[in-house]
Amino acid sequence: MSNDSNLKAIAGQMVLKGKGILAADESTPTCTSRLQSIGVESTFESRNEYRDMLFSTEDLEKFISGVILFDETLKQSTTCSDKILFTELLNSKGIIPGIKVDTGAKPLANFNNEKITEGLDGLRERLDEYYALGARFAKWRAVITIGDDIPSDACILGNAHALARYAALCQQSNIVPIVEPEVLMDGDHTIETCYEVTKRSLNVVFEQLLLNHVMLEGIVLKPNMIVSGKKCATQADINTVADMTYECLLENVPSEVPGIAFLSGGQSSDDATSHLCKMNQKYSDNMPWNLTFSYGRALQHDALNAWSGNNRIDGQNALIKRAESNSLATYGKELSLI
């Protein structure tokens, strides 16, 4: 199979109808704060045990097509006596292993309250290493903040250019890039402002992707939904979020892209599922791409609390329930109705 055909095939598998992507790529500091929230000390072993609980969940492959891993996790193994590498465990279930490759969002020089994602230096070599370790897709997250006179054109262009260079390097290494330009929901901005900023960002991102000869059929887009800022006095309802998100994507995302896997972006687990469900309910007949999910907290939150450090079965039951609920949402169905 040619490189292009292989990339298209993997991207297609990642966004298959009824399946979504589990984001388990939290950095060590983020994972530490999550574990501390349930009273568990963060160590190499406890992080390993938590991820093992998630990935070993029975029937996870029915609802999850891929898992985004962190560098540490990509090299870890199951905690059972066999010590199976997580990449091998996931592959045995038919779940594609992926890897977060950016090194984080840092302050954008000369611009207040804006960030630029770094990690291009040495990326080519790291991608080759990750491919050898079993990763078949990657993720790079750009962060766009809404505020007084921001985002600037420089912030949007800088992040879009970095996303495009990352995506080109991924495809050259036979790895499918998840392109994630996240417009944050922090702030008091209206849903209309979120729409305009997301539209601007997506336009520049696809301009840069095409400029860098990135094959759109071999990527997965991971955008924010169009929502009101967390501190906005008026919070848009589910129908409005679904309508404005779909309209924004239809206007600004080329039909060559095989699928859009939303980030949850700080939404509650229920809201993230309801918004996805409503979009698929209303628009599935006319979509040029598949709409699915790539959730971290919205899939893991219940599982983390149920697990609480030692209740594996409870944690796995909570995870599978959330995964099934979001799988149904890709068909425009709700768990309670089934």
C-alpha atoms as a PDB file:
ATOM      1  CA  MET A   1       0.000   0.000   0.000  1.00  0.00           C
ATOM      2  CA  SER A   2       1.378   3.423  -0.927  1.00  0.00           C
ATOM      3  CA  ASN A   3       2.112   5.995   1.757  1.00  0.00           C
ATOM      4  CA  ASP A   4      -0.900   8.114   0.665  1.00  0.00           C
ATOM      5  CA  SER A   5      -3.244   5.119   0.611  1.00  0.00           C
ATOM      6  CA  ASN A   6      -2.030   4.030   4.030  1.00  0.00           C
ATOM      7  CA  LEU A   7      -2.600   7.490   5.534  1.00  0.00           C
ATOM      8  CA  LYS A   8      -6.100   7.657   4.050  1.00  0.00           C
ATOM      9  CA  ALA A   9      -6.927   4.182   5.369  1.00  0.00           C
ATOM     10  CA  ILE A  10      -5.765   4.979   8.925  1.00  0.00           C
ATOM     11  CA  ALA A  11      -7.521   8.369   8.969  1.00  0.00           C
ATOM     12  CA  GLY A  12     -10.692   6.626   7.779  1.00  0.00           C
ATOM     13  CA  GLN A  13     -10.427   4.016  10.554  1.00  0.00           C
ATOM     14  CA  MET A  14      -9.950   6.739  13.176  1.00  0.00           C
ATOM     15  CA  VAL A  15     -13.255   8.412  12.305  1.00  0.00           C
ATOM     16  CA  LEU A  16     -15.400   5.363  11.547  1.00  0.00           C
ATOM     17  CA  LYS A  17     -19.080   5.932  12.290  1.00  0.00           C
ATOM     18  CA  GLY A  18     -19.874   4.820  15.820  1.00  0.00           C
ATOM     19  CA  LYS A  19     -16.306   5.148  17.073  1.00  0.00           C
ATOM     20  CA  GLY A  20     -14.256   7.963  18.561  1.00  0.00           C
ATOM     21  CA  ILE A  21     -10.812   8.669  19.976  1.00  0.00           C
ATOM     22  CA  LEU A  22      -9.853   8.479  23.650  1.00  0.00           C
ATOM     23  CA  ALA A  23      -7.434  11.291  24.520  1.00  0.00           C
ATOM     24  CA  ALA A  24      -5.181   9.902  27.266  1.00  0.00           C
ATOM     25  CA  ASP A  25      -2.195  12.111  26.456  1.00  0.00           C
ATOM     26  CA  GLU A  26      -2.177  14.244  29.608  1.00  0.00           C
ATOM     27  CA  SER A  27       1.309  15.481  30.476  1.00  0.00           C
ATOM     28  CA  THR A  28       2.759  14.321  33.784  1.00  0.00           C
ATOM     29  CA  PRO A  29       1.795  17.589  35.600  1.00  0.00           C
ATOM     30  CA  THR A  30      -1.807  17.347  34.311  1.00  0.00           C
ATOM     31  CA  CYS A  31      -2.070  13.658  35.176  1.00  0.00           C
ATOM     32  CA  THR A  32      -0.633  14.456  38.608  1.00  0.00           C
ATOM     33  CA  SER A  33      -3.342  17.040  39.323  1.00  0.00           C
ATOM     34  CA  ARG A  34      -6.033  14.570  38.182  1.00  0.00           C
ATOM     35  CA  LEU A  35      -4.700  11.840  40.470  1.00  0.00           C
ATOM     36  CA  GLN A  36      -4.334  14.246  43.386  1.00  0.00           C
ATOM     37  CA  SER A  37      -8.000  15.219  42.953  1.00  0.00           C
ATOM     38  CA  ILE A  38      -8.938  11.673  44.014  1.00  0.00           C
ATOM     39  CA  GLY A  39      -6.275  11.412  46.711  1.00  0.00           C
ATOM     40  CA  VAL A  40      -3.811   9.268  44.748  1.00  0.00           C
ATOM     41  CA  GLU A  41      -0.106  10.137  44.735  1.00  0.00           C
ATOM     42  CA  SER A  42       1.245  10.568  41.210  1.00  0.00           C
ATOM     43  CA  THR A  43       4.125   8.189  40.564  1.00  0.00           C
ATOM     44  CA  PHE A  44       5.308   6.335  37.473  1.00  0.00           C
ATOM     45  CA  GLU A  45       3.528   3.267  38.868  1.00  0.00           C
ATOM     46  CA  SER A  46       0.210   4.969  39.729  1.00  0.00           C
ATOM     47  CA  ARG A  47       0.031   6.663  36.331  1.00  0.00           C
ATOM     48  CA  ASN A  48       0.786   3.282  34.734  1.00  0.00           C
ATOM     49  CA  GLU A  49      -1.936   1.605  36.799  1.00  0.00           C
ATOM     50  CA  TYR A  50      -4.513   4.277  35.881  1.00  0.00           C
ATOM     51  CA  ARG A  51      -3.802   4.011  32.153  1.00  0.00           C
ATOM     52  CA  ASP A  52      -3.816   0.208  32.407  1.00  0.00           C
ATOM     53  CA  MET A  53      -7.279   0.359  33.987  1.00  0.00           C
ATOM     54  CA  LEU A  54      -8.519   2.461  31.066  1.00  0.00           C
ATOM     55  CA  PHE A  55      -6.939   0.529  28.201  1.00  0.00           C
ATOM     56  CA  SER A  56      -7.772  -2.932  29.583  1.00  0.00           C
ATOM     57  CA  THR A  57     -11.502  -2.158  29.675  1.00  0.00           C
ATOM     58  CA  GLU A  58     -13.439  -5.003  28.078  1.00  0.00           C
ATOM     59  CA  ASP A  59     -15.190  -4.109  24.794  1.00  0.00           C
ATOM     60  CA  LEU A  60     -13.518  -0.681  24.610  1.00  0.00           C
ATOM     61  CA  GLU A  61     -12.820  -1.388  20.932  1.00  0.00           C
ATOM     62  CA  LYS A  62     -16.566  -1.363  20.187  1.00  0.00           C
ATOM     63  CA  PHE A  63     -16.657   2.386  20.737  1.00  0.00           C
ATOM     64  CA  ILE A  64     -13.046   3.602  20.550  1.00  0.00           C
ATOM     65  CA  SER A  65     -10.988   3.612  17.335  1.00  0.00           C
ATOM     66  CA  GLY A  66      -7.774   5.125  18.674  1.00  0.00           C
ATOM     67  CA  VAL A  67      -6.053   6.283  21.845  1.00  0.00           C
ATOM     68  CA  ILE A  68      -3.750   9.308  22.070  1.00  0.00           C
ATOM     69  CA  LEU A  69      -0.842   8.497  24.386  1.00  0.00           C
ATOM     70  CA  PHE A  70       1.788  10.605  26.139  1.00  0.00           C
ATOM     71  CA  ASP A  71       5.504   9.845  25.635  1.00  0.00           C
ATOM     72  CA  GLU A  72       5.714   8.077  29.022  1.00  0.00           C
ATOM     73  CA  THR A  73       2.582   6.018  28.374  1.00  0.00           C
ATOM     74  CA  LEU A  74       3.657   4.922  24.881  1.00  0.00           C
ATOM     75  CA  LYS A  75       6.545   3.072  26.513  1.00  0.00           C
ATOM     76  CA  GLN A  76       4.586   1.577  29.424  1.00  0.00           C
ATOM     77  CA  SER A  77       3.077  -1.908  29.759  1.00  0.00           C
ATOM     78  CA  THR A  78       0.094  -3.577  31.368  1.00  0.00           C
ATOM     79  CA  THR A  79       0.378  -4.297  35.089  1.00  0.00           C
ATOM     80  CA  CYS A  80      -0.505  -7.978  34.708  1.00  0.00           C
ATOM     81  CA  SER A  81       2.213 -10.610  34.930  1.00  0.00           C
ATOM     82  CA  ASP A  82       2.598 -10.699  31.137  1.00  0.00           C
ATOM     83  CA  LYS A  83       3.647  -7.010  30.975  1.00  0.00           C
ATOM     84  CA  ILE A  84       2.214  -6.399  27.492  1.00  0.00           C
ATOM     85  CA  LEU A  85       3.208  -3.061  25.939  1.00  0.00           C
ATOM     86  CA  PHE A  86       0.213  -0.718  25.760  1.00  0.00           C
ATOM     87  CA  THR A  87       0.727  -0.358  22.001  1.00  0.00           C
ATOM     88  CA  GLU A  88       0.487  -4.153  21.627  1.00  0.00           C
ATOM     89  CA  LEU A  89      -2.559  -4.318  23.896  1.00  0.00           C
ATOM     90  CA  LEU A  90      -4.360  -1.649  21.882  1.00  0.00           C
ATOM     91  CA  ASN A  91      -3.393  -3.220  18.549  1.00  0.00           C
ATOM     92  CA  SER A  92      -4.698  -6.596  19.752  1.00  0.00           C
ATOM     93  CA  LYS A  93      -8.083  -4.922  20.288  1.00  0.00           C
ATOM     94  CA  GLY A  94      -8.002  -3.229  16.878  1.00  0.00           C
ATOM     95  CA  ILE A  95      -7.475   0.189  18.500  1.00  0.00           C
ATOM     96  CA  ILE A  96      -4.889   2.444  16.824  1.00  0.00           C
ATOM     97  CA  PRO A  97      -2.167   3.862  19.119  1.00  0.00           C
ATOM     98  CA  GLY A  98      -1.366   7.557  18.711  1.00  0.00           C
ATOM     99  CA  ILE A  99       1.029  10.021  20.347  1.00  0.00           C
ATOM    100  CA  LYS A 100       1.012  13.660  21.444  1.00  0.00           C
ATOM    101  CA  VAL A 101       4.100  15.266  19.906  1.00  0.00           C
ATOM    102  CA  ASP A 102       3.957  18.985  20.718  1.00  0.00           C
ATOM    103  CA  THR A 103       5.913  20.242  23.736  1.00  0.00           C
ATOM    104  CA  GLY A 104       3.226  22.599  24.992  1.00  0.00           C
ATOM    105  CA  ALA A 105       1.835  26.086  24.488  1.00  0.00           C
ATOM    106  CA  LYS A 106       4.277  28.813  25.528  1.00  0.00           C
ATOM    107  CA  PRO A 107       3.843  32.614  25.755  1.00  0.00           C
ATOM    108  CA  LEU A 108       3.962  34.226  22.303  1.00  0.00           C
ATOM    109  CA  ALA A 109       6.830  36.739  22.301  1.00  0.00           C
ATOM    110  CA  ASN A 110       5.692  40.388  22.067  1.00  0.00           C
ATOM    111  CA  PHE A 111       2.014  39.460  22.511  1.00  0.00           C
ATOM    112  CA  ASN A 112       0.268  39.593  25.877  1.00  0.00           C
ATOM    113  CA  ASN A 113      -1.962  36.681  26.933  1.00  0.00           C
ATOM    114  CA  GLU A 114      -1.381  34.706  23.718  1.00  0.00           C
ATOM    115  CA  LYS A 115       0.388  31.397  23.202  1.00  0.00           C
ATOM    116  CA  ILE A 116       2.294  29.542  20.520  1.00  0.00           C
ATOM    117  CA  THR A 117       2.719  25.772  20.554  1.00  0.00           C
ATOM    118  CA  GLU A 118       6.297  24.541  20.347  1.00  0.00           C
ATOM    119  CA  GLY A 119       7.883  21.211  19.472  1.00  0.00           C
ATOM    120  CA  LEU A 120       9.005  21.328  15.836  1.00  0.00           C
ATOM    121  CA  ASP A 121      12.706  21.023  16.677  1.00  0.00           C
ATOM    122  CA  GLY A 122      13.731  17.388  16.373  1.00  0.00           C
ATOM    123  CA  LEU A 123      10.186  16.356  15.474  1.00  0.00           C
ATOM    124  CA  ARG A 124      11.222  14.408  12.364  1.00  0.00           C
ATOM    125  CA  GLU A 125      13.459  12.122  14.434  1.00  0.00           C
ATOM    126  CA  ARG A 126      10.874  11.753  17.234  1.00  0.00           C
ATOM    127  CA  LEU A 127       8.213  10.749  14.693  1.00  0.00           C
ATOM    128  CA  ASP A 128      10.483   8.017  13.346  1.00  0.00           C
ATOM    129  CA  GLU A 129      11.034   6.776  16.912  1.00  0.00           C
ATOM    130  CA  TYR A 130       7.306   6.858  17.699  1.00  0.00           C
ATOM    131  CA  TYR A 131       6.477   5.000  14.487  1.00  0.00           C
ATOM    132  CA  ALA A 132       8.965   2.286  15.455  1.00  0.00           C
ATOM    133  CA  LEU A 133       7.265   2.087  18.867  1.00  0.00           C
ATOM    134  CA  GLY A 134       3.881   1.532  17.208  1.00  0.00           C
ATOM    135  CA  ALA A 135       2.252   4.968  16.930  1.00  0.00           C
ATOM    136  CA  ARG A 136       0.271   5.437  13.708  1.00  0.00           C
ATOM    137  CA  PHE A 137      -1.178   8.894  14.325  1.00  0.00           C
ATOM    138  CA  ALA A 138      -0.080  11.989  16.219  1.00  0.00           C
ATOM    139  CA  LYS A 139      -1.602  15.058  17.854  1.00  0.00           C
ATOM    140  CA  TRP A 140      -0.535  18.703  18.049  1.00  0.00           C
ATOM    141  CA  ARG A 141      -2.681  21.221  19.931  1.00  0.00           C
ATOM    142  CA  ALA A 142      -2.695  24.919  19.135  1.00  0.00           C
ATOM    143  CA  VAL A 143      -4.316  27.282  21.652  1.00  0.00           C
ATOM    144  CA  ILE A 144      -6.267  30.386  20.596  1.00  0.00           C
ATOM    145  CA  THR A 145      -7.464  32.694  23.383  1.00  0.00           C
ATOM    146  CA  ILE A 146     -10.328  35.163  23.032  1.00  0.00           C
ATOM    147  CA  GLY A 147      -9.981  38.437  24.947  1.00  0.00           C
ATOM    148  CA  ASP A 148      -9.522  42.192  24.551  1.00  0.00           C
ATOM    149  CA  ASP A 149      -8.128  42.681  21.034  1.00  0.00           C
ATOM    150  CA  ILE A 150      -7.090  39.037  20.803  1.00  0.00           C
ATOM    151  CA  PRO A 151      -6.532  36.698  19.099  1.00  0.00           C
ATOM    152  CA  SER A 152      -4.071  38.612  16.960  1.00  0.00           C
ATOM    153  CA  ASP A 153      -3.401  37.708  13.345  1.00  0.00           C
ATOM    154  CA  ALA A 154       0.151  36.828  14.423  1.00  0.00           C
ATOM    155  CA  CYS A 155      -1.096  34.273  16.949  1.00  0.00           C
ATOM    156  CA  ILE A 156      -3.468  32.606  14.498  1.00  0.00           C
ATOM    157  CA  LEU A 157      -0.931  32.551  11.660  1.00  0.00           C
ATOM    158  CA  GLY A 158       1.953  31.376  13.860  1.00  0.00           C
ATOM    159  CA  ASN A 159      -0.061  28.497  15.269  1.00  0.00           C
ATOM    160  CA  ALA A 160      -1.533  27.573  11.883  1.00  0.00           C
ATOM    161  CA  HIS A 161       1.917  27.506  10.292  1.00  0.00           C
ATOM    162  CA  ALA A 162       3.256  25.275  13.091  1.00  0.00           C
ATOM    163  CA  LEU A 163       0.260  22.920  12.707  1.00  0.00           C
ATOM    164  CA  ALA A 164       0.908  22.692   8.968  1.00  0.00           C
ATOM    165  CA  ARG A 165       4.633  21.985   9.342  1.00  0.00           C
ATOM    166  CA  TYR A 166       3.863  19.348  11.978  1.00  0.00           C
ATOM    167  CA  ALA A 167       1.224  17.756   9.725  1.00  0.00           C
ATOM    168  CA  ALA A 168       3.597  17.654   6.747  1.00  0.00           C
ATOM    169  CA  LEU A 169       6.314  15.989   8.838  1.00  0.00           C
ATOM    170  CA  CYS A 170       3.800  13.441  10.159  1.00  0.00           C
ATOM    171  CA  GLN A 171       2.612  12.448   6.703  1.00  0.00           C
ATOM    172  CA  GLN A 172       6.203  12.163   5.495  1.00  0.00           C
ATOM    173  CA  SER A 173       6.762   9.711   8.379  1.00  0.00           C
ATOM    174  CA  ASN A 174       3.615   7.726   7.465  1.00  0.00           C
ATOM    175  CA  ILE A 175       1.778   9.021  10.538  1.00  0.00           C
ATOM    176  CA  VAL A 176      -1.705  10.568  10.384  1.00  0.00           C
ATOM    177  CA  PRO A 177      -1.755  14.041  11.962  1.00  0.00           C
ATOM    178  CA  ILE A 178      -4.605  15.157  14.193  1.00  0.00           C
ATOM    179  CA  VAL A 179      -4.808  18.899  13.555  1.00  0.00           C
ATOM    180  CA  GLU A 180      -6.116  20.616  16.694  1.00  0.00           C
ATOM    181  CA  PRO A 181      -6.682  24.383  16.614  1.00  0.00           C
ATOM    182  CA  GLU A 182      -8.496  24.958  19.920  1.00  0.00           C
ATOM    183  CA  VAL A 183     -10.324  28.228  20.484  1.00  0.00           C
ATOM    184  CA  LEU A 184     -10.610  28.228  24.267  1.00  0.00           C
ATOM    185  CA  MET A 185     -13.980  28.626  25.972  1.00  0.00           C
ATOM    186  CA  ASP A 186     -12.387  30.571  28.845  1.00  0.00           C
ATOM    187  CA  GLY A 187     -13.713  34.133  29.066  1.00  0.00           C
ATOM    188  CA  ASP A 188     -16.960  36.050  28.919  1.00  0.00           C
ATOM    189  CA  HIS A 189     -17.306  36.192  25.133  1.00  0.00           C
ATOM    190  CA  THR A 190     -20.552  35.372  23.330  1.00  0.00           C
ATOM    191  CA  ILE A 191     -21.137  32.365  21.110  1.00  0.00           C
ATOM    192  CA  GLU A 192     -21.098  34.741  18.117  1.00  0.00           C
ATOM    193  CA  THR A 193     -17.549  35.805  19.000  1.00  0.00           C
ATOM    194  CA  CYS A 194     -16.506  32.152  19.297  1.00  0.00           C
ATOM    195  CA  TYR A 195     -17.983  31.566  15.827  1.00  0.00           C
ATOM    196  CA  GLU A 196     -16.036  34.444  14.249  1.00  0.00           C
ATOM    197  CA  VAL A 197     -12.720  33.527  15.882  1.00  0.00           C
ATOM    198  CA  THR A 198     -13.085  29.838  15.005  1.00  0.00           C
ATOM    199  CA  LYS A 199     -13.926  30.761  11.422  1.00  0.00           C
ATOM    200  CA  ARG A 200     -10.808  32.952  11.183  1.00  0.00           C
ATOM    201  CA  SER A 201      -8.646  30.247  12.697  1.00  0.00           C
ATOM    202  CA  LEU A 202      -9.927  27.410  10.488  1.00  0.00           C
ATOM    203  CA  ASN A 203      -9.497  29.500   7.345  1.00  0.00           C
ATOM    204  CA  VAL A 204      -5.851  30.221   8.109  1.00  0.00           C
ATOM    205  CA  VAL A 205      -5.158  26.639   9.230  1.00  0.00           C
ATOM    206  CA  PHE A 206      -6.409  25.149   5.957  1.00  0.00           C
ATOM    207  CA  GLU A 207      -4.616  27.830   3.953  1.00  0.00           C
ATOM    208  CA  GLN A 208      -1.359  26.797   5.655  1.00  0.00           C
ATOM    209  CA  LEU A 209      -2.055  23.062   5.301  1.00  0.00           C
ATOM    210  CA  LEU A 210      -2.539  23.444   1.555  1.00  0.00           C
ATOM    211  CA  LEU A 211       0.510  25.727   1.270  1.00  0.00           C
ATOM    212  CA  ASN A 212       2.577  22.960   2.899  1.00  0.00           C
ATOM    213  CA  HIS A 213       1.168  20.254   0.582  1.00  0.00           C
ATOM    214  CA  VAL A 214      -0.573  18.391   3.395  1.00  0.00           C
ATOM    215  CA  MET A 215      -2.944  15.750   2.008  1.00  0.00           C
ATOM    216  CA  LEU A 216      -6.306  16.609   3.561  1.00  0.00           C
ATOM    217  CA  GLU A 217      -7.672  13.070   3.029  1.00  0.00           C
ATOM    218  CA  GLY A 218      -4.957  11.870   5.425  1.00  0.00           C
ATOM    219  CA  ILE A 219      -5.672  14.119   8.427  1.00  0.00           C
ATOM    220  CA  VAL A 220      -8.249  14.264  11.219  1.00  0.00           C
ATOM    221  CA  LEU A 221      -9.440  17.691  12.361  1.00  0.00           C
ATOM    222  CA  LYS A 222      -9.933  18.155  16.118  1.00  0.00           C
ATOM    223  CA  PRO A 223     -11.681  21.506  16.612  1.00  0.00           C
ATOM    224  CA  ASN A 224     -13.596  23.150  19.420  1.00  0.00           C
ATOM    225  CA  MET A 225     -17.368  23.374  19.274  1.00  0.00           C
ATOM    226  CA  ILE A 226     -18.932  26.819  18.925  1.00  0.00           C
ATOM    227  CA  VAL A 227     -19.973  27.616  22.497  1.00  0.00           C
ATOM    228  CA  SER A 228     -20.430  30.622  24.753  1.00  0.00           C
ATOM    229  CA  GLY A 229     -17.486  31.641  26.922  1.00  0.00           C
ATOM    230  CA  LYS A 230     -17.617  30.043  30.381  1.00  0.00           C
ATOM    231  CA  LYS A 231     -18.223  33.428  32.022  1.00  0.00           C
ATOM    232  CA  CYS A 232     -20.700  34.723  29.455  1.00  0.00           C
ATOM    233  CA  ALA A 233     -23.994  35.779  31.054  1.00  0.00           C
ATOM    234  CA  THR A 234     -25.927  34.117  28.234  1.00  0.00           C
ATOM    235  CA  GLN A 235     -25.149  30.432  27.719  1.00  0.00           C
ATOM    236  CA  ALA A 236     -26.288  29.129  24.333  1.00  0.00           C
ATOM    237  CA  ASP A 237     -28.598  26.111  24.394  1.00  0.00           C
ATOM    238  CA  ILE A 238     -27.876  22.728  22.828  1.00  0.00           C
ATOM    239  CA  ASN A 239     -29.680  23.488  19.560  1.00  0.00           C
ATOM    240  CA  THR A 240     -27.837  26.777  19.065  1.00  0.00           C
ATOM    241  CA  VAL A 241     -24.447  25.180  19.739  1.00  0.00           C
ATOM    242  CA  ALA A 242     -25.231  22.369  17.291  1.00  0.00           C
ATOM    243  CA  ASP A 243     -26.471  24.736  14.577  1.00  0.00           C
ATOM    244  CA  MET A 244     -23.636  27.254  14.816  1.00  0.00           C
ATOM    245  CA  THR A 245     -20.930  24.597  15.114  1.00  0.00           C
ATOM    246  CA  TYR A 246     -22.164  22.724  12.058  1.00  0.00           C
ATOM    247  CA  GLU A 247     -22.560  25.929  10.047  1.00  0.00           C
ATOM    248  CA  CYS A 248     -19.033  27.072  10.928  1.00  0.00           C
ATOM    249  CA  LEU A 249     -17.516  23.730   9.947  1.00  0.00           C
ATOM    250  CA  LEU A 250     -19.529  23.440   6.742  1.00  0.00           C
ATOM    251  CA  GLU A 251     -18.309  26.868   5.643  1.00  0.00           C
ATOM    252  CA  ASN A 252     -14.665  26.391   6.573  1.00  0.00           C
ATOM    253  CA  VAL A 253     -13.652  22.713   6.492  1.00  0.00           C
ATOM    254  CA  PRO A 254     -12.986  21.195   3.033  1.00  0.00           C
ATOM    255  CA  SER A 255     -14.970  18.074   2.147  1.00  0.00           C
ATOM    256  CA  GLU A 256     -11.705  16.160   1.523  1.00  0.00           C
ATOM    257  CA  VAL A 257     -11.187  15.896   5.292  1.00  0.00           C
ATOM    258  CA  PRO A 258     -12.514  12.420   6.231  1.00  0.00           C
ATOM    259  CA  GLY A 259     -13.640  13.239   9.727  1.00  0.00           C
ATOM    260  CA  ILE A 260     -13.935  15.795  12.478  1.00  0.00           C
ATOM    261  CA  ALA A 261     -13.294  14.544  16.015  1.00  0.00           C
ATOM    262  CA  PHE A 262     -14.336  17.245  18.463  1.00  0.00           C
ATOM    263  CA  LEU A 263     -12.404  18.118  21.590  1.00  0.00           C
ATOM    264  CA  SER A 264     -14.506  18.565  24.723  1.00  0.00           C
ATOM    265  CA  GLY A 265     -12.580  21.675  25.733  1.00  0.00           C
ATOM    266  CA  GLY A 266     -13.795  22.050  29.289  1.00  0.00           C
ATOM    267  CA  GLN A 267     -17.446  21.246  28.594  1.00  0.00           C
ATOM    268  CA  SER A 268     -19.118  18.911  31.067  1.00  0.00           C
ATOM    269  CA  SER A 269     -19.217  15.263  29.998  1.00  0.00           C
ATOM    270  CA  ASP A 270     -22.971  15.495  29.435  1.00  0.00           C
ATOM    271  CA  ASP A 271     -22.800  18.713  27.393  1.00  0.00           C
ATOM    272  CA  ALA A 272     -20.036  17.373  25.132  1.00  0.00           C
ATOM    273  CA  THR A 273     -22.144  14.288  24.368  1.00  0.00           C
ATOM    274  CA  SER A 274     -25.420  16.199  23.941  1.00  0.00           C
ATOM    275  CA  HIS A 275     -23.924  18.693  21.488  1.00  0.00           C
ATOM    276  CA  LEU A 276     -22.391  15.913  19.369  1.00  0.00           C
ATOM    277  CA  CYS A 277     -25.674  13.977  19.449  1.00  0.00           C
ATOM    278  CA  LYS A 278     -27.742  16.986  18.366  1.00  0.00           C
ATOM    279  CA  MET A 279     -25.452  17.756  15.406  1.00  0.00           C
ATOM    280  CA  ASN A 280     -25.674  14.187  14.150  1.00  0.00           C
ATOM    281  CA  GLN A 281     -29.431  14.132  14.726  1.00  0.00           C
ATOM    282  CA  LYS A 282     -30.025  17.249  12.661  1.00  0.00           C
ATOM    283  CA  TYR A 283     -27.405  17.128   9.924  1.00  0.00           C
ATOM    284  CA  SER A 284     -26.111  13.583   9.364  1.00  0.00           C
ATOM    285  CA  ASP A 285     -27.850  13.239   5.985  1.00  0.00           C
ATOM    286  CA  ASN A 286     -25.845  16.067   4.410  1.00  0.00           C
ATOM    287  CA  MET A 287     -22.445  15.902   6.081  1.00  0.00           C
ATOM    288  CA  PRO A 288     -19.395  15.842   3.780  1.00  0.00           C
ATOM    289  CA  TRP A 289     -17.326  14.342   6.640  1.00  0.00           C
ATOM    290  CA  ASN A 290     -18.075  12.202   9.690  1.00  0.00           C
ATOM    291  CA  LEU A 291     -18.592  13.972  13.035  1.00  0.00           C
ATOM    292  CA  THR A 292     -17.231  12.123  16.052  1.00  0.00           C
ATOM    293  CA  PHE A 293     -15.355  12.720  19.302  1.00  0.00           C
ATOM    294  CA  SER A 294     -11.820  12.874  20.640  1.00  0.00           C
ATOM    295  CA  TYR A 295     -12.481  13.456  24.310  1.00  0.00           C
ATOM    296  CA  GLY A 296     -10.125  13.380  27.262  1.00  0.00           C
ATOM    297  CA  ARG A 297     -11.770  14.636  30.415  1.00  0.00           C
ATOM    298  CA  ALA A 298     -15.314  14.067  29.049  1.00  0.00           C
ATOM    299  CA  LEU A 299     -14.527  10.337  28.704  1.00  0.00           C
ATOM    300  CA  GLN A 300     -12.233   9.916  31.700  1.00  0.00           C
ATOM    301  CA  HIS A 301     -13.789  12.045  34.461  1.00  0.00           C
ATOM    302  CA  ASP A 302     -16.356   9.501  35.662  1.00  0.00           C
ATOM    303  CA  ALA A 303     -13.880   6.641  35.301  1.00  0.00           C
ATOM    304  CA  LEU A 304     -11.215   8.468  37.325  1.00  0.00           C
ATOM    305  CA  ASN A 305     -13.604   9.128  40.209  1.00  0.00           C
ATOM    306  CA  ALA A 306     -15.063   5.612  40.149  1.00  0.00           C
ATOM    307  CA  TRP A 307     -11.575   4.056  40.069  1.00  0.00           C
ATOM    308  CA  SER A 308     -10.235   6.225  42.944  1.00  0.00           C
ATOM    309  CA  GLY A 309      -6.950   4.324  42.933  1.00  0.00           C
ATOM    310  CA  ASN A 310      -8.127   0.760  43.433  1.00  0.00           C
ATOM    311  CA  ASN A 311     -11.619   0.082  42.041  1.00  0.00           C
ATOM    312  CA  ARG A 312     -10.691  -1.160  38.570  1.00  0.00           C
ATOM    313  CA  ILE A 313     -14.064  -2.663  37.691  1.00  0.00           C
ATOM    314  CA  ASP A 314     -15.974   0.469  38.756  1.00  0.00           C
ATOM    315  CA  GLY A 315     -13.604   2.651  36.751  1.00  0.00           C
ATOM    316  CA  GLN A 316     -13.923   0.467  33.660  1.00  0.00           C
ATOM    317  CA  ASN A 317     -17.710   0.364  33.928  1.00  0.00           C
ATOM    318  CA  ALA A 318     -17.827   4.165  34.082  1.00  0.00           C
ATOM    319  CA  LEU A 319     -15.497   4.464  31.065  1.00  0.00           C
ATOM    320  CA  ILE A 320     -17.447   2.012  28.898  1.00  0.00           C
ATOM    321  CA  LYS A 321     -20.717   3.762  29.717  1.00  0.00           C
ATOM    322  CA  ARG A 322     -19.313   7.132  28.602  1.00  0.00           C
ATOM    323  CA  ALA A 323     -17.715   5.587  25.501  1.00  0.00           C
ATOM    324  CA  GLU A 324     -20.994   3.913  24.515  1.00  0.00           C
ATOM    325  CA  SER A 325     -22.946   7.106  25.143  1.00  0.00           C
ATOM    326  CA  ASN A 326     -20.658   9.071  22.812  1.00  0.00           C
ATOM    327  CA  SER A 327     -20.702   6.283  20.238  1.00  0.00           C
ATOM    328  CA  LEU A 328     -24.488   6.532  20.144  1.00  0.00           C
ATOM    329  CA  ALA A 329     -24.191  10.315  19.834  1.00  0.00           C
ATOM    330  CA  THR A 330     -22.349   9.842  16.533  1.00  0.00           C
ATOM    331  CA  TYR A 331     -25.581   8.268  15.268  1.00  0.00           C
ATOM    332  CA  GLY A 332     -27.714  11.027  16.818  1.00  0.00           C
ATOM    333  CA  LYS A 333     -28.988   8.634  19.499  1.00  0.00           C
ATOM    334  CA  GLU A 334     -29.019   8.895  23.285  1.00  0.00           C
ATOM    335  CA  LEU A 335     -28.092   6.117  25.703  1.00  0.00           C
ATOM    336  CA  SER A 336     -31.262   6.566  27.759  1.00  0.00           C
ATOM    337  CA  LEU A 337     -33.416   5.881  24.689  1.00  0.00           C
ATOM    338  CA  ILE A 338     -31.765   2.572  23.798  1.00  0.00           C
END
